[in-house]
C-alpha atoms as a PDB file:
ATOM      1  CA  UNK A   1      78.108 238.844 281.862  1.00  0.00           C
ATOM      2  CA  UNK A   2      80.145 236.988 284.467  1.00  0.00           C
ATOM      3  CA  UNK A   3      77.560 237.746 287.132  1.00  0.00           C
ATOM      4  CA  UNK A   4      74.815 236.359 284.904  1.00  0.00           C
ATOM      5  CA  UNK A   5      76.847 233.241 284.158  1.00  0.00           C
ATOM      6  CA  UNK A   6      77.466 232.713 287.868  1.00  0.00           C
ATOM      7  CA  UNK A   7      73.779 233.134 288.600  1.00  0.00           C
ATOM      8  CA  UNK A   8      72.834 230.606 285.900  1.00  0.00           C
ATOM      9  CA  UNK A   9      75.380 228.059 287.124  1.00  0.00           C
ATOM     10  CA  UNK A  10      74.268 228.347 290.729  1.00  0.00           C
ATOM     11  CA  UNK A  11      75.734 225.558 292.807  1.00  0.00           C
ATOM     12  CA  UNK A  12      77.436 223.981 289.784  1.00  0.00           C
ATOM     13  CA  UNK A  13      80.043 226.736 289.425  1.00  0.00           C
ATOM     14  CA  UNK A  14      82.668 224.677 291.282  1.00  0.00           C
ATOM     15  CA  UNK A  15      82.154 221.711 288.961  1.00  0.00           C
ATOM     16  CA  UNK A  16      82.366 223.927 285.882  1.00  0.00           C
ATOM     17  CA  UNK A  17      85.503 225.708 287.114  1.00  0.00           C
ATOM     18  CA  UNK A  18      87.125 222.318 287.799  1.00  0.00           C
ATOM     19  CA  UNK A  19      86.238 221.154 284.271  1.00  0.00           C
ATOM     20  CA  UNK A  20      87.660 224.346 282.746  1.00  0.00           C
ATOM     21  CA  UNK A  21      90.909 224.027 284.710  1.00  0.00           C
ATOM     22  CA  UNK A  22      91.260 220.345 283.814  1.00  0.00           C
ATOM     23  CA  UNK A  23      90.450 220.503 280.121  1.00  0.00           C
ATOM     24  CA  UNK A  24      91.478 224.039 279.128  1.00  0.00           C
ATOM     25  CA  UNK A  25      94.646 222.868 277.345  1.00  0.00           C
ATOM     26  CA  UNK A  26      92.707 220.243 275.406  1.00  0.00           C
ATOM     27  CA  UNK A  27      90.072 222.789 274.375  1.00  0.00           C
ATOM     28  CA  UNK A  28      92.762 225.213 273.172  1.00  0.00           C
ATOM     29  CA  UNK A  29      94.465 222.483 271.138  1.00  0.00           C
ATOM     30  CA  UNK A  30      91.171 221.408 269.554  1.00  0.00           C
ATOM     31  CA  UNK A  31      90.241 224.986 268.649  1.00  0.00           C
ATOM     32  CA  UNK A  32      93.668 225.616 267.109  1.00  0.00           C
ATOM     33  CA  UNK A  33      93.463 222.347 265.164  1.00  0.00           C
ATOM     34  CA  UNK A  34      90.026 223.291 263.819  1.00  0.00           C
ATOM     35  CA  UNK A  35      91.280 226.734 262.776  1.00  0.00           C
ATOM     36  CA  UNK A  36      94.307 225.207 261.071  1.00  0.00           C
ATOM     37  CA  UNK A  37      92.167 222.703 259.188  1.00  0.00           C
ATOM     38  CA  UNK A  38      89.790 225.461 258.102  1.00  0.00           C
ATOM     39  CA  UNK A  39      92.687 227.573 256.848  1.00  0.00           C
ATOM     40  CA  UNK A  40      94.145 224.597 254.964  1.00  0.00           C
ATOM     41  CA  UNK A  41      90.818 223.871 253.264  1.00  0.00           C
ATOM     42  CA  UNK A  42      90.347 227.548 252.373  1.00  0.00           C
ATOM     43  CA  UNK A  43      93.794 227.792 250.751  1.00  0.00           C
ATOM     44  CA  UNK A  44      93.263 224.505 248.924  1.00  0.00           C
ATOM     45  CA  UNK A  45      89.917 225.668 247.544  1.00  0.00           C
ATOM     46  CA  UNK A  46      91.374 229.003 246.396  1.00  0.00           C
ATOM     47  CA  UNK A  47      94.297 227.322 244.635  1.00  0.00           C
ATOM     48  CA  UNK A  48      91.938 224.895 242.899  1.00  0.00           C
ATOM     49  CA  UNK A  49      89.745 227.734 241.652  1.00  0.00           C
ATOM     50  CA  UNK A  50      92.802 229.648 240.337  1.00  0.00           C
ATOM     51  CA  UNK A  51      93.973 226.613 238.361  1.00  0.00           C
ATOM     52  CA  UNK A  52      90.621 226.377 236.576  1.00  0.00           C
ATOM     53  CA  UNK A  53      91.010 229.873 235.101  1.00  0.00           C
END
């Protein structure tokens, strides 16, 4: 898989690796925030459906 990704990137692999190194913390924070928001909405929906019963 990594070999295929390297082949597809070609000469742009340095630019992509720089982007990943620069923004990896931001990407992790955004993913964790999205997961937290999804979990919050799931719990909220379950509690609302239990109150209707």
